[in-house]
Amino acid sequence: MQVVSLLLPSGTLPGSTMMPCNSTSHPSFFILQGIPGMEDKHKWISIPFSSMYFITVMGNCTILLTISMERSLHKPMFLLLFFLALTDLGMSTTTIPKVLCIFWFGQSQISYEGCLVQLFFIHSISAMQSSVLMTMAFDRYVAICKPLRYSTILSNSRIGLIGLASLVRAILFILPMPILLQRMPFHANRVIPTTYCEHMAVVKMVCVDTTFNRIYGLVVAMLVVGVDISAIASSYALILRAIMHLSSKEAHHKAVNTCTTHICVMLVSYTPSLFSFLTHRFGRGIPPHVHTILGNLYFLVPPMLNPIIYGVKTKEFRDKITKYLYRRKEPIIFSHNQKLV
């Protein structure tokens, strides 16, 4: 999760050395450097980036439209998939269009206010996505361990309340970050050595003590990612215990198959950010452009793969998409008495 970036240690990005403060409280704009050391290759890098973003938009819009139009999919599991597609689409759209503007047109400037807005949306949507993944794990726990009570424990209205609670939690935790930064003076150097505005990258541009900002970011990361991953691990520990007690091989296979899709989505969602965190923490000799590329892949790979995973692994959803596409391709047959208007 991008919330993990709040845990990154100081000095992971260049430009953190102390410089003279501006005479004003904050600059009118920042400059997003892009991928450091690879500026001459931006246009080539934009080809896979734009392709993955196109697949992301098409895939997640397909999920949103299919679930919205098919009343038979208005169930807790698919409502959670709807929320996941929303966060995937929001996460990539918050960052990638600006990245492509940098690559294609050299439009690297971003206003000070725009930078803080992007920072807020990146981390708040990431926190919401973490909540969705946690709720998905709980959904699988109830489906396997308490199947007879599933409809009473997880109704559509409760899923809606969980979604609202996730939104409120994200806003309450993330909103103080841009508010705190708004009151601080910044270095004369306006260059942010990456392609987007995230919390620690902007904090490093401040020329006064930022201990509170760093501690707050650490606390938020622990409360969001730490709590959610612990809840996911607990859910799957209980699921594993229940599966071990199943006597029927068919029931055992069905239970495992039920969890496979969610496990794949979790691995796709958490692995890029975890790998990025580990390279920042331990990969001191890794070039800066590697860190930046890994950070951008978080906004591209999980949102692109999640719709594909659910489309392939979830039979009910796959059947609905196939049915909808087949219906669209059916020729319109007119009787000999009908006239085209």
C-alpha atoms as a PDB file:
ATOM      1  CA  MET A   1       0.000   0.000   0.000  1.00  0.00           C
ATOM      2  CA  GLN A   2       1.123   3.568  -0.663  1.00  0.00           C
ATOM      3  CA  VAL A   3       0.514   4.181   3.053  1.00  0.00           C
ATOM      4  CA  VAL A   4       3.686   2.124   3.574  1.00  0.00           C
ATOM      5  CA  SER A   5       5.636   5.042   2.061  1.00  0.00           C
ATOM      6  CA  LEU A   6       4.895   6.919   5.283  1.00  0.00           C
ATOM      7  CA  LEU A   7       7.298   4.471   6.945  1.00  0.00           C
ATOM      8  CA  LEU A   8      10.222   5.285   4.655  1.00  0.00           C
ATOM      9  CA  PRO A   9      13.257   6.509   6.553  1.00  0.00           C
ATOM     10  CA  SER A  10      14.663   9.979   6.115  1.00  0.00           C
ATOM     11  CA  GLY A  11      17.215  10.476   3.397  1.00  0.00           C
ATOM     12  CA  THR A  12      15.731   7.952   0.999  1.00  0.00           C
ATOM     13  CA  LEU A  13      15.328  10.623  -1.644  1.00  0.00           C
ATOM     14  CA  PRO A  14      17.871  13.151  -2.764  1.00  0.00           C
ATOM     15  CA  GLY A  15      17.324  16.788  -1.978  1.00  0.00           C
ATOM     16  CA  SER A  16      16.990  16.341   1.765  1.00  0.00           C
ATOM     17  CA  THR A  17      20.036  18.425   2.666  1.00  0.00           C
ATOM     18  CA  MET A  18      19.395  21.674   4.462  1.00  0.00           C
ATOM     19  CA  MET A  19      19.033  24.709   2.198  1.00  0.00           C
ATOM     20  CA  PRO A  20      18.018  28.331   2.813  1.00  0.00           C
ATOM     21  CA  CYS A  21      14.329  28.807   3.459  1.00  0.00           C
ATOM     22  CA  ASN A  22      12.172  30.839   1.116  1.00  0.00           C
ATOM     23  CA  SER A  23      11.175  34.280   2.239  1.00  0.00           C
ATOM     24  CA  THR A  24       7.566  33.160   1.859  1.00  0.00           C
ATOM     25  CA  SER A  25       5.963  30.336   3.801  1.00  0.00           C
ATOM     26  CA  HIS A  26       5.721  28.076   0.755  1.00  0.00           C
ATOM     27  CA  PRO A  27       6.559  28.139  -2.974  1.00  0.00           C
ATOM     28  CA  SER A  28       3.908  28.747  -5.602  1.00  0.00           C
ATOM     29  CA  PHE A  29       4.810  25.481  -7.327  1.00  0.00           C
ATOM     30  CA  PHE A  30       7.027  22.394  -7.214  1.00  0.00           C
ATOM     31  CA  ILE A  31       8.859  20.674 -10.061  1.00  0.00           C
ATOM     32  CA  LEU A  32       8.383  16.922 -10.391  1.00  0.00           C
ATOM     33  CA  GLN A  33      11.662  15.644 -11.785  1.00  0.00           C
ATOM     34  CA  GLY A  34      10.230  12.463 -13.287  1.00  0.00           C
ATOM     35  CA  ILE A  35      12.531   9.445 -13.197  1.00  0.00           C
ATOM     36  CA  PRO A  36      15.944  10.749 -12.035  1.00  0.00           C
ATOM     37  CA  GLY A  37      18.755  10.034 -14.481  1.00  0.00           C
ATOM     38  CA  MET A  38      16.395   8.764 -17.182  1.00  0.00           C
ATOM     39  CA  GLU A  39      14.872  12.024 -18.408  1.00  0.00           C
ATOM     40  CA  ASP A  40      16.012  11.308 -21.977  1.00  0.00           C
ATOM     41  CA  LYS A  41      14.108   7.995 -21.923  1.00  0.00           C
ATOM     42  CA  HIS A  42      10.799   9.380 -20.634  1.00  0.00           C
ATOM     43  CA  LYS A  43       9.006   9.008 -23.963  1.00  0.00           C
ATOM     44  CA  TRP A  44      10.036   5.357 -24.269  1.00  0.00           C
ATOM     45  CA  ILE A  45       9.035   4.627 -20.677  1.00  0.00           C
ATOM     46  CA  SER A  46       5.661   6.245 -21.358  1.00  0.00           C
ATOM     47  CA  ILE A  47       4.738   3.449 -23.802  1.00  0.00           C
ATOM     48  CA  PRO A  48       4.310   0.672 -21.188  1.00  0.00           C
ATOM     49  CA  PHE A  49       2.988   3.188 -18.656  1.00  0.00           C
ATOM     50  CA  SER A  50       0.226   4.461 -20.954  1.00  0.00           C
ATOM     51  CA  SER A  51      -0.614   0.916 -22.097  1.00  0.00           C
ATOM     52  CA  MET A  52      -1.002  -0.317 -18.526  1.00  0.00           C
ATOM     53  CA  TYR A  53      -3.063   2.738 -17.597  1.00  0.00           C
ATOM     54  CA  PHE A  54      -5.389   2.139 -20.560  1.00  0.00           C
ATOM     55  CA  ILE A  55      -5.896  -1.494 -19.488  1.00  0.00           C
ATOM     56  CA  THR A  56      -6.482  -0.302 -15.910  1.00  0.00           C
ATOM     57  CA  VAL A  57      -9.206   2.151 -16.928  1.00  0.00           C
ATOM     58  CA  MET A  58     -10.924  -0.324 -19.254  1.00  0.00           C
ATOM     59  CA  GLY A  59     -10.771  -3.223 -16.794  1.00  0.00           C
ATOM     60  CA  ASN A  60     -11.997  -1.335 -13.746  1.00  0.00           C
ATOM     61  CA  CYS A  61     -14.709   0.514 -15.681  1.00  0.00           C
ATOM     62  CA  THR A  62     -15.921  -2.875 -16.947  1.00  0.00           C
ATOM     63  CA  ILE A  63     -16.175  -4.119 -13.364  1.00  0.00           C
ATOM     64  CA  LEU A  64     -17.992  -0.980 -12.203  1.00  0.00           C
ATOM     65  CA  LEU A  65     -20.482  -1.028 -15.091  1.00  0.00           C
ATOM     66  CA  THR A  66     -21.140  -4.778 -14.892  1.00  0.00           C
ATOM     67  CA  ILE A  67     -21.818  -4.757 -11.155  1.00  0.00           C
ATOM     68  CA  SER A  68     -23.946  -1.610 -11.448  1.00  0.00           C
ATOM     69  CA  MET A  69     -26.111  -3.015 -14.244  1.00  0.00           C
ATOM     70  CA  GLU A  70     -26.482  -6.630 -13.077  1.00  0.00           C
ATOM     71  CA  ARG A  71     -28.802  -6.801 -10.076  1.00  0.00           C
ATOM     72  CA  SER A  72     -27.807 -10.424  -9.471  1.00  0.00           C
ATOM     73  CA  LEU A  73     -24.323  -9.138  -8.564  1.00  0.00           C
ATOM     74  CA  HIS A  74     -25.637  -6.819  -5.861  1.00  0.00           C
ATOM     75  CA  LYS A  75     -24.173  -9.024  -3.142  1.00  0.00           C
ATOM     76  CA  PRO A  76     -21.596  -8.259  -0.417  1.00  0.00           C
ATOM     77  CA  MET A  77     -18.730  -9.976  -2.232  1.00  0.00           C
ATOM     78  CA  PHE A  78     -19.307  -8.060  -5.476  1.00  0.00           C
ATOM     79  CA  LEU A  79     -19.996  -4.786  -3.683  1.00  0.00           C
ATOM     80  CA  LEU A  80     -16.539  -5.140  -2.134  1.00  0.00           C
ATOM     81  CA  LEU A  81     -15.151  -5.794  -5.604  1.00  0.00           C
ATOM     82  CA  PHE A  82     -16.949  -2.615  -6.728  1.00  0.00           C
ATOM     83  CA  PHE A  83     -15.207  -0.643  -3.948  1.00  0.00           C
ATOM     84  CA  LEU A  84     -11.850  -2.212  -4.863  1.00  0.00           C
ATOM     85  CA  ALA A  85     -12.295  -1.183  -8.506  1.00  0.00           C
ATOM     86  CA  LEU A  86     -13.150   2.365  -7.388  1.00  0.00           C
ATOM     87  CA  THR A  87      -9.986   2.628  -5.296  1.00  0.00           C
ATOM     88  CA  ASP A  88      -7.864   1.096  -8.071  1.00  0.00           C
ATOM     89  CA  LEU A  89      -9.248   3.554 -10.605  1.00  0.00           C
ATOM     90  CA  GLY A  90      -8.888   6.473  -8.197  1.00  0.00           C
ATOM     91  CA  MET A  91      -5.330   5.549  -7.251  1.00  0.00           C
ATOM     92  CA  SER A  92      -4.045   5.306 -10.819  1.00  0.00           C
ATOM     93  CA  THR A  93      -5.991   8.343 -12.086  1.00  0.00           C
ATOM     94  CA  THR A  94      -4.656  10.497  -9.241  1.00  0.00           C
ATOM     95  CA  THR A  95      -1.085   9.989 -10.428  1.00  0.00           C
ATOM     96  CA  ILE A  96      -0.600   8.496 -13.906  1.00  0.00           C
ATOM     97  CA  PRO A  97      -2.130  11.308 -16.063  1.00  0.00           C
ATOM     98  CA  LYS A  98       0.330  13.771 -14.499  1.00  0.00           C
ATOM     99  CA  VAL A  99       3.174  11.277 -14.975  1.00  0.00           C
ATOM    100  CA  LEU A 100       2.304  11.005 -18.675  1.00  0.00           C
ATOM    101  CA  CYS A 101       2.199  14.813 -18.963  1.00  0.00           C
ATOM    102  CA  ILE A 102       5.756  14.884 -17.605  1.00  0.00           C
ATOM    103  CA  PHE A 103       6.881  12.169 -20.020  1.00  0.00           C
ATOM    104  CA  TRP A 104       5.128  13.483 -23.145  1.00  0.00           C
ATOM    105  CA  PHE A 105       5.045  17.261 -22.805  1.00  0.00           C
ATOM    106  CA  GLY A 106       7.654  18.036 -20.149  1.00  0.00           C
ATOM    107  CA  GLN A 107       4.956  19.618 -17.958  1.00  0.00           C
ATOM    108  CA  SER A 108       6.768  18.955 -14.705  1.00  0.00           C
ATOM    109  CA  GLN A 109       5.369  21.883 -12.722  1.00  0.00           C
ATOM    110  CA  ILE A 110       2.647  21.243 -10.177  1.00  0.00           C
ATOM    111  CA  SER A 111       1.123  23.992  -8.063  1.00  0.00           C
ATOM    112  CA  TYR A 112       1.728  23.948  -4.327  1.00  0.00           C
ATOM    113  CA  GLU A 113      -1.979  23.419  -3.657  1.00  0.00           C
ATOM    114  CA  GLY A 114      -2.184  20.758  -6.379  1.00  0.00           C
ATOM    115  CA  CYS A 115       0.729  18.902  -4.811  1.00  0.00           C
ATOM    116  CA  LEU A 116      -0.955  18.802  -1.399  1.00  0.00           C
ATOM    117  CA  VAL A 117      -4.254  17.710  -2.964  1.00  0.00           C
ATOM    118  CA  GLN A 118      -2.491  14.888  -4.809  1.00  0.00           C
ATOM    119  CA  LEU A 119      -0.719  13.885  -1.590  1.00  0.00           C
ATOM    120  CA  PHE A 120      -4.052  13.704   0.233  1.00  0.00           C
ATOM    121  CA  PHE A 121      -5.757  11.601  -2.434  1.00  0.00           C
ATOM    122  CA  ILE A 122      -2.826   9.201  -2.868  1.00  0.00           C
ATOM    123  CA  HIS A 123      -2.660   8.291   0.805  1.00  0.00           C
ATOM    124  CA  SER A 124      -6.375   8.465   1.603  1.00  0.00           C
ATOM    125  CA  ILE A 125      -7.346   6.216  -1.325  1.00  0.00           C
ATOM    126  CA  SER A 126      -4.557   3.833  -0.331  1.00  0.00           C
ATOM    127  CA  ALA A 127      -5.936   3.715   3.225  1.00  0.00           C
ATOM    128  CA  MET A 128      -9.427   3.031   1.866  1.00  0.00           C
ATOM    129  CA  GLN A 129      -8.100   0.226  -0.326  1.00  0.00           C
ATOM    130  CA  SER A 130      -6.418  -1.346   2.684  1.00  0.00           C
ATOM    131  CA  SER A 131      -9.791  -1.313   4.472  1.00  0.00           C
ATOM    132  CA  VAL A 132     -11.462  -2.965   1.471  1.00  0.00           C
ATOM    133  CA  LEU A 133      -8.866  -5.755   1.408  1.00  0.00           C
ATOM    134  CA  MET A 134      -9.338  -6.306   5.141  1.00  0.00           C
ATOM    135  CA  THR A 135     -13.124  -6.487   4.716  1.00  0.00           C
ATOM    136  CA  MET A 136     -12.691  -8.937   1.837  1.00  0.00           C
ATOM    137  CA  ALA A 137     -10.698 -11.226   4.134  1.00  0.00           C
ATOM    138  CA  PHE A 138     -13.462 -11.012   6.746  1.00  0.00           C
ATOM    139  CA  ASP A 139     -16.011 -11.765   4.015  1.00  0.00           C
ATOM    140  CA  ARG A 140     -14.143 -14.975   3.119  1.00  0.00           C
ATOM    141  CA  TYR A 141     -13.918 -15.900   6.817  1.00  0.00           C
ATOM    142  CA  VAL A 142     -17.678 -15.576   7.275  1.00  0.00           C
ATOM    143  CA  ALA A 143     -18.382 -17.441   4.007  1.00  0.00           C
ATOM    144  CA  ILE A 144     -16.246 -20.421   5.057  1.00  0.00           C
ATOM    145  CA  CYS A 145     -16.514 -20.512   8.852  1.00  0.00           C
ATOM    146  CA  LYS A 146     -20.065 -19.208   9.355  1.00  0.00           C
ATOM    147  CA  PRO A 147     -21.887 -19.898   6.063  1.00  0.00           C
ATOM    148  CA  LEU A 148     -25.352 -20.195   7.640  1.00  0.00           C
ATOM    149  CA  ARG A 149     -25.053 -16.721   9.172  1.00  0.00           C
ATOM    150  CA  TYR A 150     -23.439 -15.060   6.148  1.00  0.00           C
ATOM    151  CA  SER A 151     -26.518 -13.126   5.027  1.00  0.00           C
ATOM    152  CA  THR A 152     -27.147 -11.765   8.519  1.00  0.00           C
ATOM    153  CA  ILE A 153     -23.541 -10.853   9.327  1.00  0.00           C
ATOM    154  CA  LEU A 154     -22.711  -9.287   5.950  1.00  0.00           C
ATOM    155  CA  SER A 155     -25.720  -7.644   4.362  1.00  0.00           C
ATOM    156  CA  ASN A 156     -25.533  -5.054   1.585  1.00  0.00           C
ATOM    157  CA  SER A 157     -26.392  -2.275   4.018  1.00  0.00           C
ATOM    158  CA  ARG A 158     -23.564  -3.296   6.343  1.00  0.00           C
ATOM    159  CA  ILE A 159     -21.117  -3.334   3.458  1.00  0.00           C
ATOM    160  CA  GLY A 160     -22.256   0.213   2.669  1.00  0.00           C
ATOM    161  CA  LEU A 161     -21.635   1.247   6.286  1.00  0.00           C
ATOM    162  CA  ILE A 162     -18.196  -0.376   6.206  1.00  0.00           C
ATOM    163  CA  GLY A 163     -17.411   1.580   3.037  1.00  0.00           C
ATOM    164  CA  LEU A 164     -18.503   4.813   4.711  1.00  0.00           C
ATOM    165  CA  ALA A 165     -16.431   4.010   7.806  1.00  0.00           C
ATOM    166  CA  SER A 166     -13.390   3.345   5.592  1.00  0.00           C
ATOM    167  CA  LEU A 167     -13.851   6.730   3.929  1.00  0.00           C
ATOM    168  CA  VAL A 168     -14.167   8.543   7.267  1.00  0.00           C
ATOM    169  CA  ARG A 169     -11.116   6.737   8.695  1.00  0.00           C
ATOM    170  CA  ALA A 170      -9.011   7.645   5.664  1.00  0.00           C
ATOM    171  CA  ILE A 171     -10.011  11.315   5.800  1.00  0.00           C
ATOM    172  CA  LEU A 172      -9.438  11.632   9.551  1.00  0.00           C
ATOM    173  CA  PHE A 173      -5.989  10.017   9.377  1.00  0.00           C
ATOM    174  CA  ILE A 174      -4.672  11.612   6.175  1.00  0.00           C
ATOM    175  CA  LEU A 175      -6.143  15.143   6.217  1.00  0.00           C
ATOM    176  CA  PRO A 176      -3.770  16.391   8.985  1.00  0.00           C
ATOM    177  CA  MET A 177      -0.764  15.688   6.713  1.00  0.00           C
ATOM    178  CA  PRO A 178      -1.372  18.447   4.127  1.00  0.00           C
ATOM    179  CA  ILE A 179      -2.720  20.740   6.861  1.00  0.00           C
ATOM    180  CA  LEU A 180       0.539  20.428   8.830  1.00  0.00           C
ATOM    181  CA  LEU A 181       2.653  20.963   5.703  1.00  0.00           C
ATOM    182  CA  GLN A 182       0.672  24.059   4.755  1.00  0.00           C
ATOM    183  CA  ARG A 183       2.012  25.884   7.809  1.00  0.00           C
ATOM    184  CA  MET A 184       5.706  25.170   7.141  1.00  0.00           C
ATOM    185  CA  PRO A 185       8.442  26.997   5.171  1.00  0.00           C
ATOM    186  CA  PHE A 186      10.176  25.149   2.336  1.00  0.00           C
ATOM    187  CA  HIS A 187      13.668  25.004   0.828  1.00  0.00           C
ATOM    188  CA  ALA A 188      14.529  27.289  -2.063  1.00  0.00           C
ATOM    189  CA  ASN A 189      15.017  24.103  -4.091  1.00  0.00           C
ATOM    190  CA  ARG A 190      11.585  23.230  -5.523  1.00  0.00           C
ATOM    191  CA  VAL A 191      12.535  19.978  -7.274  1.00  0.00           C
ATOM    192  CA  ILE A 192      10.827  16.819  -5.985  1.00  0.00           C
ATOM    193  CA  PRO A 193      12.917  13.901  -7.317  1.00  0.00           C
ATOM    194  CA  THR A 194       9.999  11.687  -8.314  1.00  0.00           C
ATOM    195  CA  THR A 195       6.857  11.747 -10.488  1.00  0.00           C
ATOM    196  CA  TYR A 196       4.206  12.456  -7.852  1.00  0.00           C
ATOM    197  CA  CYS A 197       3.697  14.177  -4.493  1.00  0.00           C
ATOM    198  CA  GLU A 198       3.740  11.736  -1.611  1.00  0.00           C
ATOM    199  CA  HIS A 199       4.103  12.589   2.049  1.00  0.00           C
ATOM    200  CA  MET A 200       7.782  11.894   2.730  1.00  0.00           C
ATOM    201  CA  ALA A 201       8.923  13.423  -0.567  1.00  0.00           C
ATOM    202  CA  VAL A 202       7.196  16.707   0.344  1.00  0.00           C
ATOM    203  CA  VAL A 203       8.320  16.585   3.995  1.00  0.00           C
ATOM    204  CA  LYS A 204      11.934  16.487   2.793  1.00  0.00           C
ATOM    205  CA  MET A 205      11.369  19.845   1.089  1.00  0.00           C
ATOM    206  CA  VAL A 206      10.645  21.526   4.447  1.00  0.00           C
ATOM    207  CA  CYS A 207      13.544  23.496   5.973  1.00  0.00           C
ATOM    208  CA  VAL A 208      12.477  23.320   9.626  1.00  0.00           C
ATOM    209  CA  ASP A 209      12.267  20.412  12.027  1.00  0.00           C
ATOM    210  CA  THR A 210       9.784  17.814  10.731  1.00  0.00           C
ATOM    211  CA  THR A 211      10.001  15.299  13.568  1.00  0.00           C
ATOM    212  CA  PHE A 212       6.284  15.567  14.317  1.00  0.00           C
ATOM    213  CA  ASN A 213       5.365  15.036  10.649  1.00  0.00           C
ATOM    214  CA  ARG A 214       7.533  11.931  10.459  1.00  0.00           C
ATOM    215  CA  ILE A 215       6.198  10.498  13.710  1.00  0.00           C
ATOM    216  CA  TYR A 216       2.629  11.195  12.642  1.00  0.00           C
ATOM    217  CA  GLY A 217       3.238   9.450   9.311  1.00  0.00           C
ATOM    218  CA  LEU A 218       4.697   6.461  11.155  1.00  0.00           C
ATOM    219  CA  VAL A 219       1.718   6.274  13.530  1.00  0.00           C
ATOM    220  CA  VAL A 220      -0.784   6.461  10.660  1.00  0.00           C
ATOM    221  CA  ALA A 221       1.050   3.738   8.737  1.00  0.00           C
ATOM    222  CA  MET A 222       1.056   1.464  11.784  1.00  0.00           C
ATOM    223  CA  LEU A 223      -2.614   2.110  12.549  1.00  0.00           C
ATOM    224  CA  VAL A 224      -3.749   1.582   8.962  1.00  0.00           C
ATOM    225  CA  VAL A 225      -1.449  -1.039   7.460  1.00  0.00           C
ATOM    226  CA  GLY A 226      -0.513  -2.690  10.759  1.00  0.00           C
ATOM    227  CA  VAL A 227      -4.096  -3.116  11.964  1.00  0.00           C
ATOM    228  CA  ASP A 228      -5.441  -4.164   8.565  1.00  0.00           C
ATOM    229  CA  ILE A 229      -2.724  -6.743   7.879  1.00  0.00           C
ATOM    230  CA  SER A 230      -3.144  -8.143  11.402  1.00  0.00           C
ATOM    231  CA  ALA A 231      -6.892  -8.502  10.812  1.00  0.00           C
ATOM    232  CA  ILE A 232      -6.276 -10.168   7.435  1.00  0.00           C
ATOM    233  CA  ALA A 233      -3.765 -12.591   8.987  1.00  0.00           C
ATOM    234  CA  SER A 234      -6.205 -13.425  11.797  1.00  0.00           C
ATOM    235  CA  SER A 235      -9.016 -14.077   9.317  1.00  0.00           C
ATOM    236  CA  TYR A 236      -6.900 -16.452   7.273  1.00  0.00           C
ATOM    237  CA  ALA A 237      -5.579 -18.217  10.375  1.00  0.00           C
ATOM    238  CA  LEU A 238      -9.196 -18.989  11.347  1.00  0.00           C
ATOM    239  CA  ILE A 239      -9.997 -19.982   7.752  1.00  0.00           C
ATOM    240  CA  LEU A 240      -7.006 -22.346   7.666  1.00  0.00           C
ATOM    241  CA  ARG A 241      -8.057 -23.929  10.941  1.00  0.00           C
ATOM    242  CA  ALA A 242     -11.586 -24.448   9.601  1.00  0.00           C
ATOM    243  CA  ILE A 243     -10.267 -25.961   6.353  1.00  0.00           C
ATOM    244  CA  MET A 244      -8.063 -28.401   8.268  1.00  0.00           C
ATOM    245  CA  HIS A 245     -11.160 -29.769  10.013  1.00  0.00           C
ATOM    246  CA  LEU A 246     -13.058 -30.415   6.779  1.00  0.00           C
ATOM    247  CA  SER A 247     -13.399 -34.126   6.077  1.00  0.00           C
ATOM    248  CA  SER A 248     -14.659 -33.907   2.494  1.00  0.00           C
ATOM    249  CA  LYS A 249     -12.044 -33.328  -0.221  1.00  0.00           C
ATOM    250  CA  GLU A 250     -14.649 -31.559  -2.318  1.00  0.00           C
ATOM    251  CA  ALA A 251     -15.460 -29.149   0.513  1.00  0.00           C
ATOM    252  CA  HIS A 252     -11.736 -28.668   1.126  1.00  0.00           C
ATOM    253  CA  HIS A 253     -11.124 -27.823  -2.536  1.00  0.00           C
ATOM    254  CA  LYS A 254     -14.117 -25.464  -2.665  1.00  0.00           C
ATOM    255  CA  ALA A 255     -12.968 -23.595   0.455  1.00  0.00           C
ATOM    256  CA  VAL A 256      -9.433 -23.167  -0.894  1.00  0.00           C
ATOM    257  CA  ASN A 257     -10.736 -22.030  -4.281  1.00  0.00           C
ATOM    258  CA  THR A 258     -12.960 -19.466  -2.539  1.00  0.00           C
ATOM    259  CA  CYS A 259      -9.908 -17.793  -0.991  1.00  0.00           C
ATOM    260  CA  THR A 260      -7.531 -18.031  -3.949  1.00  0.00           C
ATOM    261  CA  THR A 261      -8.817 -14.926  -5.735  1.00  0.00           C
ATOM    262  CA  HIS A 262      -8.557 -12.706  -2.669  1.00  0.00           C
ATOM    263  CA  ILE A 263      -5.090 -14.033  -1.810  1.00  0.00           C
ATOM    264  CA  CYS A 264      -3.900 -13.219  -5.351  1.00  0.00           C
ATOM    265  CA  VAL A 265      -5.321  -9.691  -5.099  1.00  0.00           C
ATOM    266  CA  MET A 266      -3.653  -9.173  -1.705  1.00  0.00           C
ATOM    267  CA  LEU A 267      -0.283 -10.330  -3.014  1.00  0.00           C
ATOM    268  CA  VAL A 268      -0.599  -8.065  -6.051  1.00  0.00           C
ATOM    269  CA  SER A 269      -1.616  -5.097  -3.864  1.00  0.00           C
ATOM    270  CA  TYR A 270       0.905  -5.420  -1.036  1.00  0.00           C
ATOM    271  CA  THR A 271       3.990  -6.841  -2.796  1.00  0.00           C
ATOM    272  CA  PRO A 272       5.025  -3.745  -4.850  1.00  0.00           C
ATOM    273  CA  SER A 273       4.829  -1.381  -1.871  1.00  0.00           C
ATOM    274  CA  LEU A 274       6.558  -3.881   0.441  1.00  0.00           C
ATOM    275  CA  PHE A 275       9.348  -4.406  -2.083  1.00  0.00           C
ATOM    276  CA  SER A 276       9.685  -0.638  -2.507  1.00  0.00           C
ATOM    277  CA  PHE A 277       9.904  -0.219   1.270  1.00  0.00           C
ATOM    278  CA  LEU A 278      12.603  -2.912   1.561  1.00  0.00           C
ATOM    279  CA  THR A 279      14.690  -1.373  -1.233  1.00  0.00           C
ATOM    280  CA  HIS A 280      14.488   2.036   0.472  1.00  0.00           C
ATOM    281  CA  ARG A 281      15.387   0.562   3.855  1.00  0.00           C
ATOM    282  CA  PHE A 282      18.191  -1.821   2.878  1.00  0.00           C
ATOM    283  CA  GLY A 283      19.128  -1.041  -0.740  1.00  0.00           C
ATOM    284  CA  ARG A 284      21.498   1.849  -0.124  1.00  0.00           C
ATOM    285  CA  GLY A 285      23.337   1.224  -3.394  1.00  0.00           C
ATOM    286  CA  ILE A 286      20.203   1.064  -5.546  1.00  0.00           C
ATOM    287  CA  PRO A 287      19.983   4.009  -8.006  1.00  0.00           C
ATOM    288  CA  PRO A 288      17.209   6.604  -7.382  1.00  0.00           C
ATOM    289  CA  HIS A 289      15.458   5.803 -10.670  1.00  0.00           C
ATOM    290  CA  VAL A 290      14.808   2.236  -9.466  1.00  0.00           C
ATOM    291  CA  HIS A 291      12.967   3.554  -6.395  1.00  0.00           C
ATOM    292  CA  THR A 292      10.901   5.900  -8.565  1.00  0.00           C
ATOM    293  CA  ILE A 293       9.977   3.192 -11.076  1.00  0.00           C
ATOM    294  CA  LEU A 294       8.955   0.828  -8.265  1.00  0.00           C
ATOM    295  CA  GLY A 295       6.797   3.574  -6.767  1.00  0.00           C
ATOM    296  CA  ASN A 296       5.055   4.142 -10.092  1.00  0.00           C
ATOM    297  CA  LEU A 297       4.473   0.430 -10.639  1.00  0.00           C
ATOM    298  CA  TYR A 298       2.333   0.417  -7.487  1.00  0.00           C
ATOM    299  CA  PHE A 299      -0.104   2.750  -9.272  1.00  0.00           C
ATOM    300  CA  LEU A 300      -0.111   0.609 -12.420  1.00  0.00           C
ATOM    301  CA  VAL A 301       0.348  -3.110 -11.745  1.00  0.00           C
ATOM    302  CA  PRO A 302      -2.240  -3.844  -8.997  1.00  0.00           C
ATOM    303  CA  PRO A 303      -5.027  -1.731 -10.602  1.00  0.00           C
ATOM    304  CA  MET A 304      -4.318  -3.412 -13.940  1.00  0.00           C
ATOM    305  CA  LEU A 305      -4.168  -6.999 -12.623  1.00  0.00           C
ATOM    306  CA  ASN A 306      -7.045  -6.939 -10.110  1.00  0.00           C
ATOM    307  CA  PRO A 307      -9.837  -6.856 -12.754  1.00  0.00           C
ATOM    308  CA  ILE A 308      -8.068  -9.608 -14.705  1.00  0.00           C
ATOM    309  CA  ILE A 309      -7.739 -11.791 -11.603  1.00  0.00           C
ATOM    310  CA  TYR A 310     -11.407 -11.428 -10.696  1.00  0.00           C
ATOM    311  CA  GLY A 311     -12.474 -11.851 -14.315  1.00  0.00           C
ATOM    312  CA  VAL A 312     -10.581 -15.130 -14.619  1.00  0.00           C
ATOM    313  CA  LYS A 313     -11.127 -16.607 -11.152  1.00  0.00           C
ATOM    314  CA  THR A 314     -14.737 -15.618 -10.373  1.00  0.00           C
ATOM    315  CA  LYS A 315     -17.092 -17.716 -12.502  1.00  0.00           C
ATOM    316  CA  GLU A 316     -20.262 -15.769 -11.700  1.00  0.00           C
ATOM    317  CA  PHE A 317     -18.667 -12.471 -12.631  1.00  0.00           C
ATOM    318  CA  ARG A 318     -17.044 -13.952 -15.737  1.00  0.00           C
ATOM    319  CA  ASP A 319     -20.382 -15.351 -16.906  1.00  0.00           C
ATOM    320  CA  LYS A 320     -22.093 -11.970 -16.500  1.00  0.00           C
ATOM    321  CA  ILE A 321     -19.421 -10.178 -18.529  1.00  0.00           C
ATOM    322  CA  THR A 322     -19.627 -12.827 -21.260  1.00  0.00           C
ATOM    323  CA  LYS A 323     -23.415 -12.588 -21.281  1.00  0.00           C
ATOM    324  CA  TYR A 324     -23.300  -8.787 -21.500  1.00  0.00           C
ATOM    325  CA  LEU A 325     -20.742  -8.790 -24.326  1.00  0.00           C
ATOM    326  CA  TYR A 326     -22.702 -11.447 -26.239  1.00  0.00           C
ATOM    327  CA  ARG A 327     -25.880  -9.402 -25.844  1.00  0.00           C
ATOM    328  CA  ARG A 328     -24.102  -6.354 -27.280  1.00  0.00           C
ATOM    329  CA  LYS A 329     -22.962  -8.322 -30.320  1.00  0.00           C
ATOM    330  CA  GLU A 330     -26.387  -9.764 -31.153  1.00  0.00           C
ATOM    331  CA  PRO A 331     -27.696  -8.358 -34.463  1.00  0.00           C
ATOM    332  CA  ILE A 332     -30.873  -6.306 -34.384  1.00  0.00           C
ATOM    333  CA  ILE A 333     -33.490  -8.153 -36.435  1.00  0.00           C
ATOM    334  CA  PHE A 334     -36.409  -6.189 -37.831  1.00  0.00           C
ATOM    335  CA  SER A 335     -39.604  -7.709 -39.141  1.00  0.00           C
ATOM    336  CA  HIS A 336     -40.577  -6.916 -42.751  1.00  0.00           C
ATOM    337  CA  ASN A 337     -43.236  -4.458 -41.504  1.00  0.00           C
ATOM    338  CA  GLN A 338     -40.848  -2.465 -39.275  1.00  0.00           C
ATOM    339  CA  LYS A 339     -39.313   0.765 -40.458  1.00  0.00           C
ATOM    340  CA  LEU A 340     -36.144   2.410 -39.266  1.00  0.00           C
ATOM    341  CA  VAL A 341     -36.798   5.819 -37.816  1.00  0.00           C
END
